[in-house]
Amino acid sequence: PAISIQPPRPSEAHQSEGGSTLVFQAPTIHADTPPPSTGTIKTISLPAAPTLPNLITGIVVNSGGKLVENAIVQIVDQTGVPARAIKTNSLGRFFTSTPLGPGTYTIEVDISGLHFTPQQLVVSNAVIPPFELRAS
């Protein structure tokens, strides 16, 4: 809060043989409290669904729901071979630019300090809705 101080003003004046004496009031101090904030609450929304089948898109958040940028999202096929590796952007979002082949994949997230449980995804020539990957 801002603080304003009023300058002192003389409250009394006394005359004596040796000169004048002024008596000042103590300064008054006021703390200006700003009005309560009417800020908006940001909600985290999933990215738009892809328009083509077999494309993957989603968002990565920590256990408290905060966006996680620069996480590596790895999509691994049934033989354990990575099919895609994607880094999340500043909004915690990730997406593939080329479709995956039909099959079952495991989605893993890697970033220092957070733990994510691998998720299984079945891709079957259909549009896949966006999804959230949340740290545990």
N, C-alpha and C. Protein backbone atom coordinates (compact mmCIF):
# COMPACT_ATOMS: atom_id res chain seq x y z
N PRO A 1 0.82 -1.19 0.00
CA PRO A 1 0.00 0.00 0.00
C PRO A 1 0.87 1.25 0.00
N ALA A 2 0.34 2.30 -0.59
CA ALA A 2 1.05 3.58 -0.62
C ALA A 2 0.85 4.29 0.71
N ILE A 3 1.84 5.05 1.09
CA ILE A 3 1.77 5.80 2.35
C ILE A 3 1.91 7.27 2.02
N SER A 4 1.01 8.08 2.57
CA SER A 4 1.12 9.53 2.38
C SER A 4 1.32 10.18 3.74
N ILE A 5 2.20 11.16 3.77
CA ILE A 5 2.50 11.88 5.01
C ILE A 5 2.17 13.34 4.80
N GLN A 6 1.32 13.87 5.67
CA GLN A 6 0.97 15.29 5.61
C GLN A 6 2.09 16.08 6.27
N PRO A 7 2.53 17.19 5.66
CA PRO A 7 3.59 17.98 6.28
C PRO A 7 3.11 18.59 7.60
N PRO A 8 4.03 18.74 8.56
CA PRO A 8 3.63 19.31 9.85
C PRO A 8 3.22 20.78 9.69
N ARG A 9 2.26 21.19 10.52
CA ARG A 9 1.81 22.59 10.53
C ARG A 9 1.93 23.11 11.96
N PRO A 10 2.29 24.36 12.08
CA PRO A 10 2.35 24.92 13.44
C PRO A 10 0.96 24.92 14.07
N SER A 11 0.89 24.50 15.33
CA SER A 11 -0.40 24.51 16.02
C SER A 11 -0.48 25.64 17.06
N GLU A 12 0.67 26.09 17.53
CA GLU A 12 0.70 27.18 18.51
C GLU A 12 1.89 28.07 18.24
N ALA A 13 1.76 29.32 18.59
CA ALA A 13 2.89 30.26 18.50
C ALA A 13 2.95 31.01 19.82
N HIS A 14 4.14 31.08 20.41
CA HIS A 14 4.34 31.78 21.68
C HIS A 14 5.36 32.89 21.47
N GLN A 15 5.06 34.02 22.01
CA GLN A 15 6.01 35.15 21.99
C GLN A 15 6.65 35.24 23.36
N SER A 16 7.94 35.43 23.37
CA SER A 16 8.65 35.66 24.63
C SER A 16 9.71 36.70 24.38
N GLU A 17 10.39 37.13 25.44
CA GLU A 17 11.42 38.17 25.30
C GLU A 17 12.54 37.72 24.38
N GLY A 18 12.85 36.44 24.38
CA GLY A 18 13.96 35.95 23.57
C GLY A 18 13.58 35.65 22.14
N GLY A 19 12.34 35.75 21.76
CA GLY A 19 11.92 35.48 20.39
C GLY A 19 10.62 34.72 20.35
N SER A 20 10.36 34.14 19.24
CA SER A 20 9.11 33.40 19.03
C SER A 20 9.37 31.90 19.13
N THR A 21 8.38 31.18 19.62
CA THR A 21 8.44 29.73 19.67
C THR A 21 7.23 29.18 18.95
N LEU A 22 7.49 28.28 18.02
CA LEU A 22 6.39 27.61 17.31
C LEU A 22 6.31 26.17 17.79
N VAL A 23 5.11 25.68 18.02
CA VAL A 23 4.88 24.29 18.41
C VAL A 23 4.18 23.61 17.23
N PHE A 24 4.79 22.50 16.76
CA PHE A 24 4.24 21.78 15.61
C PHE A 24 3.49 20.55 16.06
N GLN A 25 2.46 20.20 15.29
CA GLN A 25 1.75 18.93 15.50
C GLN A 25 2.59 17.81 14.91
N ALA A 26 2.44 16.64 15.48
CA ALA A 26 3.09 15.47 14.88
C ALA A 26 2.46 15.22 13.51
N PRO A 27 3.26 14.79 12.54
CA PRO A 27 2.68 14.53 11.22
C PRO A 27 1.68 13.37 11.28
N THR A 28 0.70 13.43 10.40
CA THR A 28 -0.27 12.33 10.30
C THR A 28 0.12 11.44 9.13
N ILE A 29 0.01 10.16 9.36
CA ILE A 29 0.39 9.19 8.33
C ILE A 29 -0.84 8.37 7.98
N HIS A 30 -1.09 8.26 6.67
CA HIS A 30 -2.23 7.48 6.17
C HIS A 30 -1.72 6.41 5.23
N ALA A 31 -2.14 5.19 5.44
CA ALA A 31 -1.82 4.11 4.50
C ALA A 31 -2.98 4.01 3.52
N ASP A 32 -2.68 4.24 2.25
CA ASP A 32 -3.70 4.15 1.21
C ASP A 32 -3.79 2.69 0.76
N THR A 33 -4.88 2.05 1.11
CA THR A 33 -5.08 0.66 0.73
C THR A 33 -5.82 0.62 -0.60
N PRO A 34 -5.24 -0.07 -1.60
CA PRO A 34 -5.93 -0.13 -2.88
C PRO A 34 -7.21 -0.95 -2.76
N PRO A 35 -8.16 -0.71 -3.66
CA PRO A 35 -9.39 -1.50 -3.62
C PRO A 35 -9.09 -2.97 -3.92
N PRO A 36 -9.94 -3.88 -3.47
CA PRO A 36 -9.70 -5.30 -3.73
C PRO A 36 -9.60 -5.56 -5.23
N SER A 37 -8.76 -6.52 -5.58
CA SER A 37 -8.56 -6.85 -6.98
C SER A 37 -9.80 -7.53 -7.55
N THR A 38 -10.12 -7.17 -8.76
CA THR A 38 -11.22 -7.82 -9.45
C THR A 38 -10.67 -8.59 -10.64
N GLY A 39 -9.45 -9.15 -10.46
CA GLY A 39 -8.79 -9.88 -11.54
C GLY A 39 -9.58 -11.10 -11.97
N THR A 40 -9.23 -11.60 -13.12
CA THR A 40 -9.91 -12.77 -13.64
C THR A 40 -9.11 -14.02 -13.30
N ILE A 41 -9.79 -15.11 -13.20
CA ILE A 41 -9.15 -16.40 -12.95
C ILE A 41 -8.89 -17.04 -14.31
N LYS A 42 -7.64 -17.43 -14.54
CA LYS A 42 -7.31 -18.08 -15.80
C LYS A 42 -7.69 -19.55 -15.72
N THR A 43 -8.38 -20.00 -16.72
CA THR A 43 -8.70 -21.41 -16.79
C THR A 43 -7.82 -22.05 -17.86
N ILE A 44 -7.46 -23.27 -17.62
CA ILE A 44 -6.64 -24.00 -18.58
C ILE A 44 -7.59 -24.76 -19.48
N SER A 45 -7.47 -24.50 -20.77
CA SER A 45 -8.34 -25.21 -21.70
C SER A 45 -7.50 -26.10 -22.60
N LEU A 46 -8.13 -27.17 -23.03
CA LEU A 46 -7.46 -28.09 -23.94
C LEU A 46 -7.38 -27.45 -25.32
N PRO A 47 -6.38 -27.82 -26.10
CA PRO A 47 -6.31 -27.31 -27.46
C PRO A 47 -7.49 -27.82 -28.29
N ALA A 48 -7.71 -27.20 -29.42
CA ALA A 48 -8.79 -27.64 -30.31
C ALA A 48 -8.48 -29.04 -30.82
N ALA A 49 -9.54 -29.78 -31.09
CA ALA A 49 -9.37 -31.14 -31.61
C ALA A 49 -8.81 -31.07 -33.03
N PRO A 50 -7.95 -32.02 -33.37
CA PRO A 50 -7.44 -32.04 -34.75
C PRO A 50 -8.57 -32.33 -35.73
N THR A 51 -8.37 -31.94 -36.96
CA THR A 51 -9.40 -32.18 -37.97
C THR A 51 -9.14 -33.47 -38.75
N LEU A 52 -7.93 -34.00 -38.64
CA LEU A 52 -7.57 -35.24 -39.34
C LEU A 52 -7.46 -36.39 -38.35
N PRO A 53 -7.73 -37.62 -38.80
CA PRO A 53 -7.60 -38.77 -37.90
C PRO A 53 -6.14 -39.05 -37.55
N ASN A 54 -5.96 -39.68 -36.40
CA ASN A 54 -4.67 -40.19 -35.92
C ASN A 54 -3.65 -39.11 -35.57
N LEU A 55 -4.08 -37.86 -35.42
CA LEU A 55 -3.19 -36.81 -34.91
C LEU A 55 -3.40 -36.72 -33.41
N ILE A 56 -2.34 -36.43 -32.68
CA ILE A 56 -2.37 -36.37 -31.22
C ILE A 56 -2.16 -34.92 -30.79
N THR A 57 -2.99 -34.46 -29.87
CA THR A 57 -2.83 -33.13 -29.29
C THR A 57 -3.30 -33.16 -27.84
N GLY A 58 -2.67 -32.33 -27.01
CA GLY A 58 -3.06 -32.30 -25.61
C GLY A 58 -2.28 -31.26 -24.84
N ILE A 59 -2.36 -31.39 -23.53
CA ILE A 59 -1.74 -30.41 -22.64
C ILE A 59 -1.08 -31.17 -21.48
N VAL A 60 0.02 -30.63 -20.97
CA VAL A 60 0.73 -31.24 -19.84
C VAL A 60 0.67 -30.26 -18.67
N VAL A 61 0.22 -30.76 -17.50
CA VAL A 61 0.13 -29.93 -16.30
C VAL A 61 0.75 -30.67 -15.12
N ASN A 62 1.16 -29.90 -14.10
CA ASN A 62 1.68 -30.55 -12.89
C ASN A 62 0.51 -30.99 -12.02
N SER A 63 0.78 -31.54 -10.86
CA SER A 63 -0.29 -32.06 -10.00
C SER A 63 -1.23 -30.97 -9.52
N GLY A 64 -0.77 -29.71 -9.51
CA GLY A 64 -1.62 -28.60 -9.10
C GLY A 64 -2.36 -27.94 -10.26
N GLY A 65 -2.16 -28.45 -11.48
CA GLY A 65 -2.86 -27.91 -12.63
C GLY A 65 -2.12 -26.81 -13.37
N LYS A 66 -0.88 -26.53 -12.96
CA LYS A 66 -0.09 -25.49 -13.62
C LYS A 66 0.52 -26.04 -14.91
N LEU A 67 0.53 -25.22 -15.94
CA LEU A 67 1.09 -25.62 -17.24
C LEU A 67 2.55 -26.01 -17.11
N VAL A 68 2.96 -27.02 -17.85
CA VAL A 68 4.35 -27.48 -17.84
C VAL A 68 4.91 -27.30 -19.25
N GLU A 69 5.84 -26.35 -19.38
CA GLU A 69 6.47 -26.16 -20.69
C GLU A 69 7.79 -26.92 -20.76
N ASN A 70 8.22 -27.19 -21.97
CA ASN A 70 9.48 -27.89 -22.26
C ASN A 70 9.52 -29.33 -21.76
N ALA A 71 8.37 -29.93 -21.53
CA ALA A 71 8.33 -31.36 -21.19
C ALA A 71 8.42 -32.15 -22.50
N ILE A 72 9.03 -33.30 -22.44
CA ILE A 72 9.11 -34.18 -23.61
C ILE A 72 7.99 -35.21 -23.52
N VAL A 73 7.10 -35.19 -24.50
CA VAL A 73 6.02 -36.17 -24.61
C VAL A 73 6.47 -37.18 -25.65
N GLN A 74 6.60 -38.43 -25.22
CA GLN A 74 7.08 -39.47 -26.12
C GLN A 74 5.96 -40.47 -26.37
N ILE A 75 5.72 -40.76 -27.64
CA ILE A 75 4.70 -41.73 -28.04
C ILE A 75 5.45 -42.97 -28.52
N VAL A 76 5.27 -44.06 -27.76
CA VAL A 76 6.05 -45.28 -27.99
C VAL A 76 5.12 -46.38 -28.52
N ASP A 77 5.56 -47.08 -29.57
CA ASP A 77 4.73 -48.16 -30.12
C ASP A 77 4.83 -49.42 -29.26
N GLN A 78 4.11 -50.49 -29.68
CA GLN A 78 4.03 -51.72 -28.88
C GLN A 78 5.37 -52.45 -28.77
N THR A 79 6.29 -52.17 -29.67
CA THR A 79 7.60 -52.84 -29.61
C THR A 79 8.59 -52.05 -28.76
N GLY A 80 8.14 -50.90 -28.22
CA GLY A 80 9.02 -50.07 -27.38
C GLY A 80 9.81 -49.04 -28.15
N VAL A 81 9.53 -48.90 -29.44
CA VAL A 81 10.23 -47.93 -30.28
C VAL A 81 9.48 -46.60 -30.26
N PRO A 82 10.16 -45.49 -30.00
CA PRO A 82 9.48 -44.19 -30.03
C PRO A 82 8.98 -43.87 -31.44
N ALA A 83 7.68 -43.59 -31.54
CA ALA A 83 7.09 -43.20 -32.82
C ALA A 83 7.15 -41.68 -33.00
N ARG A 84 7.03 -40.94 -31.90
CA ARG A 84 7.11 -39.48 -31.92
C ARG A 84 7.68 -39.02 -30.58
N ALA A 85 8.39 -37.90 -30.63
CA ALA A 85 8.85 -37.21 -29.41
C ALA A 85 8.57 -35.74 -29.63
N ILE A 86 7.81 -35.15 -28.73
CA ILE A 86 7.33 -33.77 -28.89
C ILE A 86 7.64 -32.99 -27.63
N LYS A 87 8.06 -31.74 -27.78
CA LYS A 87 8.30 -30.87 -26.63
C LYS A 87 7.09 -29.94 -26.46
N THR A 88 6.62 -29.79 -25.21
CA THR A 88 5.49 -28.89 -24.97
C THR A 88 5.93 -27.44 -25.15
N ASN A 89 4.98 -26.61 -25.59
CA ASN A 89 5.28 -25.19 -25.78
C ASN A 89 5.05 -24.42 -24.48
N SER A 90 5.09 -23.09 -24.56
CA SER A 90 4.96 -22.25 -23.35
C SER A 90 3.58 -22.36 -22.72
N LEU A 91 2.60 -22.88 -23.45
CA LEU A 91 1.25 -23.08 -22.91
C LEU A 91 1.04 -24.52 -22.45
N GLY A 92 2.12 -25.31 -22.41
CA GLY A 92 2.02 -26.69 -21.98
C GLY A 92 1.40 -27.61 -23.01
N ARG A 93 1.21 -27.11 -24.23
CA ARG A 93 0.54 -27.89 -25.28
C ARG A 93 1.53 -28.67 -26.13
N PHE A 94 1.04 -29.77 -26.67
CA PHE A 94 1.83 -30.58 -27.60
C PHE A 94 0.91 -31.07 -28.71
N PHE A 95 1.48 -31.38 -29.86
CA PHE A 95 0.69 -31.92 -30.97
C PHE A 95 1.62 -32.58 -31.97
N THR A 96 1.08 -33.59 -32.66
CA THR A 96 1.83 -34.22 -33.74
C THR A 96 1.44 -33.53 -35.04
N SER A 97 2.38 -33.44 -35.96
CA SER A 97 2.08 -32.80 -37.24
C SER A 97 1.79 -33.83 -38.33
N THR A 98 2.16 -35.08 -38.07
CA THR A 98 1.84 -36.16 -39.01
C THR A 98 1.09 -37.25 -38.27
N PRO A 99 0.13 -37.89 -38.94
CA PRO A 99 -0.68 -38.91 -38.27
C PRO A 99 0.13 -40.15 -37.89
N LEU A 100 -0.30 -40.78 -36.82
CA LEU A 100 0.27 -42.07 -36.40
C LEU A 100 -0.43 -43.18 -37.17
N GLY A 101 0.24 -44.30 -37.31
CA GLY A 101 -0.41 -45.48 -37.89
C GLY A 101 -1.33 -46.11 -36.86
N PRO A 102 -2.33 -46.87 -37.31
CA PRO A 102 -3.22 -47.54 -36.36
C PRO A 102 -2.42 -48.47 -35.44
N GLY A 103 -2.85 -48.55 -34.19
CA GLY A 103 -2.17 -49.41 -33.23
C GLY A 103 -2.32 -48.90 -31.82
N THR A 104 -1.67 -49.57 -30.89
CA THR A 104 -1.69 -49.19 -29.48
C THR A 104 -0.35 -48.57 -29.13
N TYR A 105 -0.40 -47.43 -28.48
CA TYR A 105 0.80 -46.67 -28.12
C TYR A 105 0.79 -46.37 -26.63
N THR A 106 1.97 -46.13 -26.10
CA THR A 106 2.12 -45.67 -24.72
C THR A 106 2.64 -44.24 -24.77
N ILE A 107 1.99 -43.36 -24.01
CA ILE A 107 2.41 -41.96 -23.96
C ILE A 107 3.14 -41.74 -22.65
N GLU A 108 4.38 -41.27 -22.75
CA GLU A 108 5.22 -41.01 -21.59
C GLU A 108 5.60 -39.53 -21.58
N VAL A 109 5.71 -38.96 -20.39
CA VAL A 109 6.13 -37.57 -20.24
C VAL A 109 7.40 -37.55 -19.41
N ASP A 110 8.37 -36.78 -19.89
CA ASP A 110 9.65 -36.68 -19.18
C ASP A 110 10.00 -35.22 -18.95
N ILE A 111 10.13 -34.86 -17.68
CA ILE A 111 10.64 -33.55 -17.29
C ILE A 111 11.16 -33.68 -15.86
N SER A 112 12.26 -33.04 -15.60
CA SER A 112 12.90 -33.14 -14.29
C SER A 112 11.99 -32.64 -13.17
N GLY A 113 11.92 -33.40 -12.09
CA GLY A 113 11.18 -32.99 -10.90
C GLY A 113 9.72 -33.40 -10.87
N LEU A 114 9.19 -33.94 -11.96
CA LEU A 114 7.78 -34.36 -11.99
C LEU A 114 7.69 -35.82 -12.41
N HIS A 115 6.64 -36.50 -11.92
CA HIS A 115 6.41 -37.90 -12.28
C HIS A 115 5.06 -38.02 -12.97
N PHE A 116 5.05 -38.69 -14.10
CA PHE A 116 3.82 -38.93 -14.86
C PHE A 116 3.65 -40.44 -15.05
N THR A 117 2.44 -40.92 -14.87
CA THR A 117 2.14 -42.33 -15.12
C THR A 117 1.94 -42.51 -16.62
N PRO A 118 2.62 -43.46 -17.25
CA PRO A 118 2.43 -43.69 -18.69
C PRO A 118 0.95 -44.00 -19.00
N GLN A 119 0.47 -43.47 -20.13
CA GLN A 119 -0.92 -43.66 -20.54
C GLN A 119 -0.96 -44.46 -21.83
N GLN A 120 -1.95 -45.34 -21.94
CA GLN A 120 -2.10 -46.12 -23.16
C GLN A 120 -3.10 -45.44 -24.07
N LEU A 121 -2.81 -45.46 -25.38
CA LEU A 121 -3.67 -44.83 -26.37
C LEU A 121 -3.85 -45.78 -27.55
N VAL A 122 -5.11 -46.00 -27.93
CA VAL A 122 -5.40 -46.82 -29.10
C VAL A 122 -5.75 -45.88 -30.25
N VAL A 123 -5.03 -46.03 -31.36
CA VAL A 123 -5.23 -45.20 -32.55
C VAL A 123 -5.88 -46.09 -33.61
N SER A 124 -7.06 -45.63 -34.12
CA SER A 124 -7.81 -46.49 -35.05
C SER A 124 -8.47 -45.70 -36.18
N ASN A 125 -7.69 -44.89 -36.87
CA ASN A 125 -8.18 -44.12 -38.02
C ASN A 125 -9.40 -43.27 -37.69
N ALA A 126 -9.38 -42.62 -36.54
CA ALA A 126 -10.46 -41.72 -36.13
C ALA A 126 -9.82 -40.46 -35.53
N VAL A 127 -10.62 -39.40 -35.47
CA VAL A 127 -10.14 -38.17 -34.83
C VAL A 127 -10.02 -38.44 -33.33
N ILE A 128 -8.88 -38.11 -32.77
CA ILE A 128 -8.61 -38.34 -31.35
C ILE A 128 -8.79 -37.01 -30.62
N PRO A 129 -9.72 -36.96 -29.65
CA PRO A 129 -9.90 -35.69 -28.92
C PRO A 129 -8.66 -35.34 -28.11
N PRO A 130 -8.42 -34.04 -27.89
CA PRO A 130 -7.27 -33.63 -27.07
C PRO A 130 -7.41 -34.17 -25.65
N PHE A 131 -6.29 -34.36 -24.98
CA PHE A 131 -6.33 -34.89 -23.63
C PHE A 131 -5.28 -34.22 -22.76
N GLU A 132 -5.47 -34.37 -21.44
CA GLU A 132 -4.58 -33.77 -20.44
C GLU A 132 -3.69 -34.86 -19.85
N LEU A 133 -2.41 -34.55 -19.73
CA LEU A 133 -1.46 -35.42 -19.03
C LEU A 133 -1.08 -34.70 -17.75
N ARG A 134 -1.48 -35.25 -16.59
CA ARG A 134 -1.28 -34.59 -15.30
C ARG A 134 -0.27 -35.36 -14.46
N ALA A 135 0.67 -34.63 -13.87
CA ALA A 135 1.67 -35.25 -12.99
C ALA A 135 0.99 -35.83 -11.76
N SER A 136 1.58 -36.90 -11.23
CA SER A 136 1.01 -37.52 -10.03
C SER A 136 1.77 -37.08 -8.80
